[in-house]
Amino acid sequence: MPRYEFVVDGTLGREIVSAFPELEPTVQFGKTVLSGTLAAPSAVREVLVRLESFGIGLHSMRVLEGDDQAPAPAVEPGGAQTIPGGTRPNGGNGSSR
């Protein structure tokens, strides 16, 4: 099962954190990070709906590397993806010429 990380601005209070029992909260650089394993895409949508219901804006979300899955591709500015251990879609390796 994939692990997810949801980053929101500010520090969430206990009441709000308790609404996300499937996620572990940490605070980093003024942002709250909620991370944990979610079994299905519908569980991700449920987390997003709960955040919205509290009026909490999502700063970022990502899939973390799991034991049973390959690393997720990193998305670069402009939408180009770098595949770990691979090349860019245009055939380059990311080095400048």
C-alpha atoms as a PDB file:
ATOM      1  CA  MET A   1       0.000   0.000   0.000  1.00  0.00           C
ATOM      2  CA  PRO A   2       1.337   3.447  -0.823  1.00  0.00           C
ATOM      3  CA  ARG A   3       2.238   6.039   1.780  1.00  0.00           C
ATOM      4  CA  TYR A   4       1.041   9.589   1.285  1.00  0.00           C
ATOM      5  CA  GLU A   5       2.166  12.936   2.637  1.00  0.00           C
ATOM      6  CA  PHE A   6      -0.186  15.919   2.875  1.00  0.00           C
ATOM      7  CA  VAL A   7       1.402  19.292   3.744  1.00  0.00           C
ATOM      8  CA  VAL A   8      -0.692  22.201   5.014  1.00  0.00           C
ATOM      9  CA  ASP A   9       0.322  25.677   6.197  1.00  0.00           C
ATOM     10  CA  GLY A  10       0.451  26.293   9.932  1.00  0.00           C
ATOM     11  CA  THR A  11       0.099  24.069  12.961  1.00  0.00           C
ATOM     12  CA  LEU A  12      -3.131  22.086  13.248  1.00  0.00           C
ATOM     13  CA  GLY A  13      -4.836  21.821  16.620  1.00  0.00           C
ATOM     14  CA  ARG A  14      -5.610  18.545  18.399  1.00  0.00           C
ATOM     15  CA  GLU A  15      -9.268  18.563  17.364  1.00  0.00           C
ATOM     16  CA  ILE A  16      -8.415  18.805  13.682  1.00  0.00           C
ATOM     17  CA  VAL A  17      -5.561  16.279  13.906  1.00  0.00           C
ATOM     18  CA  SER A  18      -7.949  13.838  15.614  1.00  0.00           C
ATOM     19  CA  ALA A  19     -10.094  13.935  12.450  1.00  0.00           C
ATOM     20  CA  PHE A  20      -7.224  12.155  10.634  1.00  0.00           C
ATOM     21  CA  PRO A  21      -6.549   9.039  12.760  1.00  0.00           C
ATOM     22  CA  GLU A  22      -4.994   7.211   9.809  1.00  0.00           C
ATOM     23  CA  LEU A  23      -2.278   9.862   9.450  1.00  0.00           C
ATOM     24  CA  GLU A  24       0.672  10.784  11.667  1.00  0.00           C
ATOM     25  CA  PRO A  25       1.123  14.541  12.195  1.00  0.00           C
ATOM     26  CA  THR A  26       4.487  16.303  12.379  1.00  0.00           C
ATOM     27  CA  VAL A  27       5.357  20.000  12.197  1.00  0.00           C
ATOM     28  CA  GLN A  28       8.208  21.104   9.953  1.00  0.00           C
ATOM     29  CA  PHE A  29       9.177  24.693   9.133  1.00  0.00           C
ATOM     30  CA  GLY A  30       5.771  26.137  10.071  1.00  0.00           C
ATOM     31  CA  LYS A  31       3.814  23.530   8.137  1.00  0.00           C
ATOM     32  CA  THR A  32       1.926  20.471   9.368  1.00  0.00           C
ATOM     33  CA  VAL A  33       2.763  17.247   7.577  1.00  0.00           C
ATOM     34  CA  LEU A  34       0.182  14.448   7.753  1.00  0.00           C
ATOM     35  CA  SER A  35       1.597  11.157   6.501  1.00  0.00           C
ATOM     36  CA  GLY A  36       0.499   7.551   6.460  1.00  0.00           C
ATOM     37  CA  THR A  37      -0.499   4.509   4.476  1.00  0.00           C
ATOM     38  CA  LEU A  38      -3.804   4.723   2.638  1.00  0.00           C
ATOM     39  CA  ALA A  39      -5.351   1.592   1.160  1.00  0.00           C
ATOM     40  CA  ALA A  40      -7.229   3.032  -1.802  1.00  0.00           C
ATOM     41  CA  PRO A  41      -7.524   6.162  -3.953  1.00  0.00           C
ATOM     42  CA  SER A  42     -10.903   6.787  -2.339  1.00  0.00           C
ATOM     43  CA  ALA A  43      -9.112   7.183   1.014  1.00  0.00           C
ATOM     44  CA  VAL A  44      -6.975   9.948  -0.505  1.00  0.00           C
ATOM     45  CA  ARG A  45     -10.112  11.733  -1.700  1.00  0.00           C
ATOM     46  CA  GLU A  46     -11.632  11.385   1.781  1.00  0.00           C
ATOM     47  CA  VAL A  47      -8.589  13.067   3.355  1.00  0.00           C
ATOM     48  CA  LEU A  48      -8.821  15.919   0.837  1.00  0.00           C
ATOM     49  CA  VAL A  49     -12.545  16.355   1.544  1.00  0.00           C
ATOM     50  CA  ARG A  50     -11.918  16.445   5.311  1.00  0.00           C
ATOM     51  CA  LEU A  51      -9.170  19.066   4.878  1.00  0.00           C
ATOM     52  CA  GLU A  52     -11.538  21.166   2.777  1.00  0.00           C
ATOM     53  CA  SER A  53     -14.359  20.780   5.317  1.00  0.00           C
ATOM     54  CA  PHE A  54     -12.102  22.372   7.960  1.00  0.00           C
ATOM     55  CA  GLY A  55     -11.168  25.164   5.538  1.00  0.00           C
ATOM     56  CA  ILE A  56      -7.565  23.956   5.395  1.00  0.00           C
ATOM     57  CA  GLY A  57      -5.728  24.619   2.171  1.00  0.00           C
ATOM     58  CA  LEU A  58      -3.428  21.929   0.876  1.00  0.00           C
ATOM     59  CA  HIS A  59       0.122  23.168   0.284  1.00  0.00           C
ATOM     60  CA  SER A  60       1.333  19.934  -1.329  1.00  0.00           C
ATOM     61  CA  MET A  61       0.671  16.224  -1.509  1.00  0.00           C
ATOM     62  CA  ARG A  62       2.900  13.392  -2.649  1.00  0.00           C
ATOM     63  CA  VAL A  63       3.149   9.648  -2.733  1.00  0.00           C
ATOM     64  CA  LEU A  64       6.071   8.431  -0.663  1.00  0.00           C
ATOM     65  CA  GLU A  65       8.189   5.485  -1.671  1.00  0.00           C
ATOM     66  CA  GLY A  66       6.795   2.220  -0.298  1.00  0.00           C
ATOM     67  CA  ASP A  67       8.404  -1.152   0.278  1.00  0.00           C
ATOM     68  CA  ASP A  68       6.383  -2.760  -2.506  1.00  0.00           C
ATOM     69  CA  GLN A  69       6.465  -0.031  -5.149  1.00  0.00           C
ATOM     70  CA  ALA A  70       8.961   1.788  -7.341  1.00  0.00           C
ATOM     71  CA  PRO A  71       9.889   5.387  -6.550  1.00  0.00           C
ATOM     72  CA  ALA A  72       7.433   7.924  -7.901  1.00  0.00           C
ATOM     73  CA  PRO A  73       8.791  10.060 -10.753  1.00  0.00           C
ATOM     74  CA  ALA A  74       9.774  13.583  -9.783  1.00  0.00           C
ATOM     75  CA  VAL A  75       7.939  16.312 -11.666  1.00  0.00           C
ATOM     76  CA  GLU A  76      10.170  19.200 -12.698  1.00  0.00           C
ATOM     77  CA  PRO A  77       9.052  22.758 -13.477  1.00  0.00           C
ATOM     78  CA  GLY A  78       7.438  22.795 -16.896  1.00  0.00           C
ATOM     79  CA  GLY A  79       5.955  19.338 -16.410  1.00  0.00           C
ATOM     80  CA  ALA A  80       8.996  17.259 -17.477  1.00  0.00           C
ATOM     81  CA  GLN A  81       9.379  14.080 -15.491  1.00  0.00           C
ATOM     82  CA  THR A  82      12.673  12.591 -14.422  1.00  0.00           C
ATOM     83  CA  ILE A  83      12.402   8.858 -13.921  1.00  0.00           C
ATOM     84  CA  PRO A  84      14.774   7.702 -11.160  1.00  0.00           C
ATOM     85  CA  GLY A  85      17.681   5.913 -12.829  1.00  0.00           C
ATOM     86  CA  GLY A  86      16.384   6.881 -16.262  1.00  0.00           C
ATOM     87  CA  THR A  87      16.320   9.712 -18.721  1.00  0.00           C
ATOM     88  CA  ARG A  88      14.020  12.588 -19.494  1.00  0.00           C
ATOM     89  CA  PRO A  89      11.175  11.957 -21.936  1.00  0.00           C
ATOM     90  CA  ASN A  90      13.025  13.978 -24.611  1.00  0.00           C
ATOM     91  CA  GLY A  91      15.892  11.478 -24.458  1.00  0.00           C
ATOM     92  CA  GLY A  92      18.239  13.719 -22.487  1.00  0.00           C
ATOM     93  CA  ASN A  93      19.814  12.884 -19.164  1.00  0.00           C
ATOM     94  CA  GLY A  94      19.234  16.237 -17.531  1.00  0.00           C
ATOM     95  CA  SER A  95      22.752  17.543 -18.062  1.00  0.00           C
ATOM     96  CA  SER A  96      23.247  20.929 -19.674  1.00  0.00           C
ATOM     97  CA  ARG A  97      25.092  21.246 -22.961  1.00  0.00           C
END
